[in-house]
N, C-alpha and C. Protein backbone atom coordinates (compact mmCIF):
# COMPACT_ATOMS: atom_id res chain seq x y z
N MET A 1 -15.25 -12.39 -27.71
CA MET A 1 -14.36 -11.33 -28.11
C MET A 1 -14.09 -11.49 -29.60
N SER A 2 -14.17 -10.42 -30.36
CA SER A 2 -13.96 -10.51 -31.79
C SER A 2 -12.47 -10.67 -32.10
N GLU A 3 -12.18 -11.17 -33.32
CA GLU A 3 -10.79 -11.36 -33.73
C GLU A 3 -10.06 -10.02 -33.77
N ASN A 4 -10.73 -8.96 -34.21
CA ASN A 4 -10.17 -7.60 -34.24
C ASN A 4 -9.74 -7.18 -32.83
N ASN A 5 -10.62 -7.43 -31.87
CA ASN A 5 -10.37 -7.05 -30.49
C ASN A 5 -9.18 -7.82 -29.92
N GLN A 6 -9.04 -9.08 -30.28
CA GLN A 6 -7.97 -9.91 -29.76
C GLN A 6 -6.61 -9.45 -30.26
N GLN A 7 -6.51 -8.99 -31.50
CA GLN A 7 -5.21 -8.65 -32.06
C GLN A 7 -4.75 -7.23 -31.74
N GLY A 8 -5.64 -6.26 -31.66
CA GLY A 8 -5.19 -4.87 -31.56
C GLY A 8 -5.46 -4.17 -30.26
N GLN A 9 -6.11 -4.80 -29.32
CA GLN A 9 -6.47 -4.08 -28.10
C GLN A 9 -6.11 -4.89 -26.86
N ILE A 10 -5.83 -4.16 -25.80
CA ILE A 10 -5.55 -4.78 -24.51
C ILE A 10 -6.60 -4.28 -23.53
N ASN A 11 -7.18 -5.19 -22.79
CA ASN A 11 -8.16 -4.83 -21.78
C ASN A 11 -7.41 -4.60 -20.46
N ILE A 12 -7.42 -3.36 -19.97
CA ILE A 12 -6.72 -3.01 -18.74
C ILE A 12 -7.74 -2.65 -17.68
N GLU A 13 -7.63 -3.30 -16.51
CA GLU A 13 -8.55 -3.04 -15.42
C GLU A 13 -7.88 -2.12 -14.40
N LEU A 14 -8.68 -1.25 -13.79
CA LEU A 14 -8.21 -0.33 -12.77
C LEU A 14 -9.16 -0.42 -11.59
N ASP A 15 -8.69 -1.03 -10.49
CA ASP A 15 -9.58 -1.14 -9.33
C ASP A 15 -9.64 0.17 -8.57
N GLU A 16 -10.59 0.29 -7.67
CA GLU A 16 -10.85 1.55 -6.98
C GLU A 16 -9.66 2.03 -6.15
N THR A 17 -8.97 1.12 -5.48
CA THR A 17 -7.85 1.52 -4.63
C THR A 17 -6.72 2.11 -5.47
N VAL A 18 -6.39 1.47 -6.57
CA VAL A 18 -5.33 1.97 -7.44
C VAL A 18 -5.78 3.27 -8.12
N ALA A 19 -7.04 3.37 -8.47
CA ALA A 19 -7.56 4.56 -9.15
C ALA A 19 -7.45 5.81 -8.27
N GLU A 20 -7.46 5.65 -6.96
CA GLU A 20 -7.33 6.79 -6.05
C GLU A 20 -5.95 7.42 -6.17
N GLY A 21 -4.94 6.66 -6.53
CA GLY A 21 -3.59 7.18 -6.68
C GLY A 21 -2.90 7.38 -5.35
N ILE A 22 -1.61 7.68 -5.44
CA ILE A 22 -0.78 7.94 -4.27
C ILE A 22 -0.04 9.24 -4.52
N TYR A 23 -0.11 10.18 -3.59
CA TYR A 23 0.58 11.45 -3.74
C TYR A 23 2.07 11.26 -3.48
N SER A 24 2.90 11.86 -4.32
CA SER A 24 4.35 11.82 -4.16
C SER A 24 4.92 13.19 -4.50
N ASN A 25 5.86 13.67 -3.67
CA ASN A 25 6.55 14.91 -4.00
C ASN A 25 8.05 14.69 -4.13
N LEU A 26 8.46 13.42 -4.22
CA LEU A 26 9.85 13.08 -4.44
C LEU A 26 9.93 11.73 -5.13
N ALA A 27 10.75 11.65 -6.17
CA ALA A 27 11.03 10.37 -6.82
C ALA A 27 12.52 10.12 -6.73
N ILE A 28 12.89 8.94 -6.30
CA ILE A 28 14.29 8.54 -6.20
C ILE A 28 14.51 7.46 -7.24
N ILE A 29 15.50 7.67 -8.11
CA ILE A 29 15.71 6.77 -9.23
C ILE A 29 17.08 6.13 -9.13
N ASN A 30 17.11 4.81 -9.17
CA ASN A 30 18.35 4.04 -9.19
C ASN A 30 18.29 3.11 -10.40
N HIS A 31 19.45 2.63 -10.83
CA HIS A 31 19.45 1.69 -11.95
C HIS A 31 20.60 0.72 -11.87
N SER A 32 20.41 -0.40 -12.52
CA SER A 32 21.44 -1.41 -12.71
C SER A 32 21.52 -1.64 -14.22
N PRO A 33 22.39 -2.51 -14.68
CA PRO A 33 22.44 -2.77 -16.12
C PRO A 33 21.13 -3.34 -16.68
N SER A 34 20.29 -3.93 -15.83
CA SER A 34 19.09 -4.58 -16.35
C SER A 34 17.77 -3.94 -15.96
N GLU A 35 17.79 -2.95 -15.04
CA GLU A 35 16.52 -2.38 -14.61
C GLU A 35 16.69 -0.98 -14.03
N PHE A 36 15.60 -0.22 -14.09
CA PHE A 36 15.50 1.07 -13.42
C PHE A 36 14.49 0.88 -12.29
N VAL A 37 14.80 1.45 -11.13
CA VAL A 37 13.91 1.39 -9.97
C VAL A 37 13.53 2.82 -9.61
N VAL A 38 12.23 3.11 -9.60
CA VAL A 38 11.74 4.44 -9.24
C VAL A 38 10.93 4.30 -7.96
N ASP A 39 11.41 4.94 -6.89
CA ASP A 39 10.70 4.96 -5.61
C ASP A 39 10.00 6.30 -5.47
N PHE A 40 8.71 6.26 -5.19
CA PHE A 40 7.92 7.48 -4.99
C PHE A 40 7.70 7.67 -3.49
N VAL A 41 8.05 8.87 -3.02
CA VAL A 41 8.02 9.19 -1.59
C VAL A 41 7.18 10.44 -1.38
N CYS A 42 6.54 10.53 -0.24
CA CYS A 42 5.84 11.75 0.16
C CYS A 42 6.52 12.26 1.43
N ILE A 43 7.19 13.41 1.29
CA ILE A 43 7.87 14.02 2.42
C ILE A 43 7.02 15.18 2.91
N MET A 44 6.65 15.15 4.19
CA MET A 44 5.83 16.20 4.77
C MET A 44 6.69 17.09 5.65
N PRO A 45 6.46 18.40 5.62
CA PRO A 45 7.24 19.32 6.45
C PRO A 45 7.13 18.96 7.93
N GLY A 46 8.25 19.05 8.63
CA GLY A 46 8.27 18.79 10.07
C GLY A 46 8.29 17.32 10.43
N THR A 47 8.32 16.46 9.42
CA THR A 47 8.34 15.03 9.68
C THR A 47 9.75 14.51 9.41
N PRO A 48 10.41 13.97 10.42
CA PRO A 48 11.81 13.56 10.23
C PRO A 48 11.98 12.27 9.42
N LYS A 49 10.90 11.52 9.24
CA LYS A 49 11.02 10.23 8.57
C LYS A 49 9.90 10.10 7.53
N SER A 50 10.25 9.56 6.37
CA SER A 50 9.25 9.31 5.33
C SER A 50 9.43 7.90 4.81
N LYS A 51 8.37 7.37 4.21
CA LYS A 51 8.41 6.02 3.66
C LYS A 51 8.19 6.06 2.16
N VAL A 52 8.76 5.08 1.48
CA VAL A 52 8.47 4.90 0.07
C VAL A 52 7.00 4.47 -0.03
N LYS A 53 6.24 5.19 -0.85
CA LYS A 53 4.82 4.90 -1.00
C LYS A 53 4.56 3.91 -2.12
N SER A 54 5.44 3.93 -3.13
CA SER A 54 5.27 3.02 -4.26
C SER A 54 6.62 2.84 -4.94
N ARG A 55 6.87 1.66 -5.45
CA ARG A 55 8.09 1.37 -6.20
C ARG A 55 7.70 0.78 -7.54
N ILE A 56 8.30 1.32 -8.59
CA ILE A 56 8.08 0.82 -9.94
C ILE A 56 9.42 0.35 -10.48
N VAL A 57 9.47 -0.87 -11.01
CA VAL A 57 10.68 -1.43 -11.59
C VAL A 57 10.44 -1.55 -13.09
N LEU A 58 11.37 -0.98 -13.88
CA LEU A 58 11.24 -0.94 -15.33
C LEU A 58 12.47 -1.49 -16.01
N THR A 59 12.29 -2.07 -17.19
CA THR A 59 13.44 -2.40 -18.02
C THR A 59 14.01 -1.10 -18.56
N PRO A 60 15.27 -1.07 -18.98
CA PRO A 60 15.81 0.15 -19.58
C PRO A 60 14.99 0.64 -20.78
N GLN A 61 14.49 -0.27 -21.59
CA GLN A 61 13.68 0.12 -22.74
C GLN A 61 12.38 0.80 -22.30
N HIS A 62 11.73 0.26 -21.28
CA HIS A 62 10.50 0.88 -20.79
C HIS A 62 10.78 2.21 -20.10
N ALA A 63 11.93 2.32 -19.42
CA ALA A 63 12.29 3.59 -18.79
C ALA A 63 12.45 4.68 -19.86
N LYS A 64 13.08 4.32 -20.97
CA LYS A 64 13.27 5.30 -22.04
C LYS A 64 11.92 5.69 -22.66
N ARG A 65 11.03 4.73 -22.84
CA ARG A 65 9.68 5.04 -23.35
C ARG A 65 8.92 5.93 -22.38
N LEU A 66 9.08 5.69 -21.08
CA LEU A 66 8.42 6.52 -20.08
C LEU A 66 8.93 7.95 -20.14
N VAL A 67 10.24 8.14 -20.28
CA VAL A 67 10.82 9.48 -20.40
C VAL A 67 10.22 10.20 -21.60
N LYS A 68 10.15 9.53 -22.74
CA LYS A 68 9.58 10.14 -23.95
C LYS A 68 8.11 10.49 -23.75
N ALA A 69 7.34 9.58 -23.14
CA ALA A 69 5.92 9.82 -22.92
C ALA A 69 5.70 10.98 -21.95
N LEU A 70 6.50 11.06 -20.88
CA LEU A 70 6.38 12.18 -19.94
C LEU A 70 6.73 13.49 -20.62
N ALA A 71 7.80 13.50 -21.41
CA ALA A 71 8.20 14.73 -22.11
C ALA A 71 7.10 15.20 -23.05
N GLU A 72 6.49 14.28 -23.77
CA GLU A 72 5.42 14.64 -24.69
C GLU A 72 4.21 15.20 -23.94
N ASN A 73 3.88 14.59 -22.81
CA ASN A 73 2.73 15.05 -22.03
C ASN A 73 3.00 16.39 -21.35
N VAL A 74 4.23 16.62 -20.89
CA VAL A 74 4.58 17.93 -20.33
C VAL A 74 4.47 18.99 -21.42
N HIS A 75 4.95 18.68 -22.61
CA HIS A 75 4.86 19.62 -23.74
C HIS A 75 3.39 19.96 -24.03
N ARG A 76 2.53 18.95 -24.12
CA ARG A 76 1.10 19.20 -24.38
C ARG A 76 0.48 20.04 -23.27
N PHE A 77 0.81 19.72 -22.01
CA PHE A 77 0.29 20.49 -20.88
C PHE A 77 0.69 21.95 -20.99
N GLU A 78 1.98 22.20 -21.27
CA GLU A 78 2.46 23.57 -21.35
C GLU A 78 1.86 24.32 -22.54
N MET A 79 1.57 23.63 -23.61
CA MET A 79 0.91 24.27 -24.76
C MET A 79 -0.50 24.73 -24.38
N SER A 80 -1.16 23.98 -23.51
CA SER A 80 -2.52 24.31 -23.09
C SER A 80 -2.57 25.28 -21.91
N HIS A 81 -1.63 25.14 -20.98
CA HIS A 81 -1.72 25.86 -19.70
C HIS A 81 -0.57 26.80 -19.41
N GLY A 82 0.41 26.88 -20.28
CA GLY A 82 1.57 27.73 -20.04
C GLY A 82 2.71 26.94 -19.42
N GLU A 83 3.87 27.58 -19.41
CA GLU A 83 5.07 26.90 -18.93
C GLU A 83 4.99 26.55 -17.45
N ILE A 84 5.42 25.37 -17.13
CA ILE A 84 5.50 24.93 -15.73
C ILE A 84 6.76 25.55 -15.14
N GLN A 85 6.61 26.28 -14.05
CA GLN A 85 7.75 26.92 -13.40
C GLN A 85 8.45 25.90 -12.51
N ASP A 86 9.73 25.75 -12.72
CA ASP A 86 10.53 24.82 -11.91
C ASP A 86 11.17 25.60 -10.78
N SER A 87 10.68 25.43 -9.57
CA SER A 87 11.22 26.18 -8.43
C SER A 87 12.40 25.45 -7.83
N GLU A 88 13.32 26.24 -7.28
CA GLU A 88 14.48 25.65 -6.60
C GLU A 88 14.02 25.08 -5.26
N GLN A 89 14.44 23.86 -4.99
CA GLN A 89 14.14 23.24 -3.71
C GLN A 89 15.46 22.97 -2.99
N PRO A 90 15.48 23.15 -1.67
CA PRO A 90 16.70 22.83 -0.94
C PRO A 90 17.01 21.33 -1.08
N PRO A 91 18.28 20.96 -1.12
CA PRO A 91 18.62 19.54 -1.25
C PRO A 91 18.11 18.75 -0.04
N ILE A 92 17.65 17.58 -0.33
CA ILE A 92 17.14 16.69 0.73
C ILE A 92 18.22 15.64 0.97
N PRO A 93 18.75 15.54 2.19
CA PRO A 93 19.79 14.53 2.44
C PRO A 93 19.18 13.13 2.39
N LEU A 94 19.69 12.32 1.47
CA LEU A 94 19.21 10.96 1.33
C LEU A 94 20.38 10.00 1.49
N ASN A 95 20.14 8.90 2.13
CA ASN A 95 21.19 7.91 2.35
C ASN A 95 20.98 6.69 1.47
N PHE A 96 20.74 6.92 0.18
CA PHE A 96 20.48 5.83 -0.75
C PHE A 96 21.63 5.61 -1.72
N GLY A 97 22.81 6.18 -1.47
CA GLY A 97 23.91 6.08 -2.42
C GLY A 97 23.67 7.03 -3.58
N THR A 98 24.15 6.69 -4.75
CA THR A 98 23.99 7.55 -5.92
C THR A 98 22.60 7.32 -6.50
N ALA A 99 21.81 8.37 -6.54
CA ALA A 99 20.45 8.26 -7.05
C ALA A 99 20.06 9.57 -7.68
N GLY A 100 19.15 9.49 -8.64
CA GLY A 100 18.59 10.69 -9.23
C GLY A 100 17.33 11.09 -8.49
N GLN A 101 16.99 12.35 -8.56
CA GLN A 101 15.78 12.83 -7.92
C GLN A 101 14.92 13.55 -8.94
N ALA A 102 13.63 13.43 -8.78
CA ALA A 102 12.70 14.16 -9.64
C ALA A 102 11.57 14.67 -8.81
């Protein structure tokens, strides 16, 4: 590995299982003073029970960077494809205490 490569680049691997991704139509966000927890859930119509498909734990600093990165990418998407329409969804009763939804 060259010295240039060692200082400025990170080698990130993506295995086949992770590359397939996980579909989510609900994100539940909780936080403490030291971390943000984002649970990704897939809720299917007619199914009374759903499971968390993936959980991501972030520091507050990384959560803020993620918000900025998502906002920038949504802006780029809308510049290319038009405004994303935000449809009203009926509230989903969740028993997780105080949490944000996305």
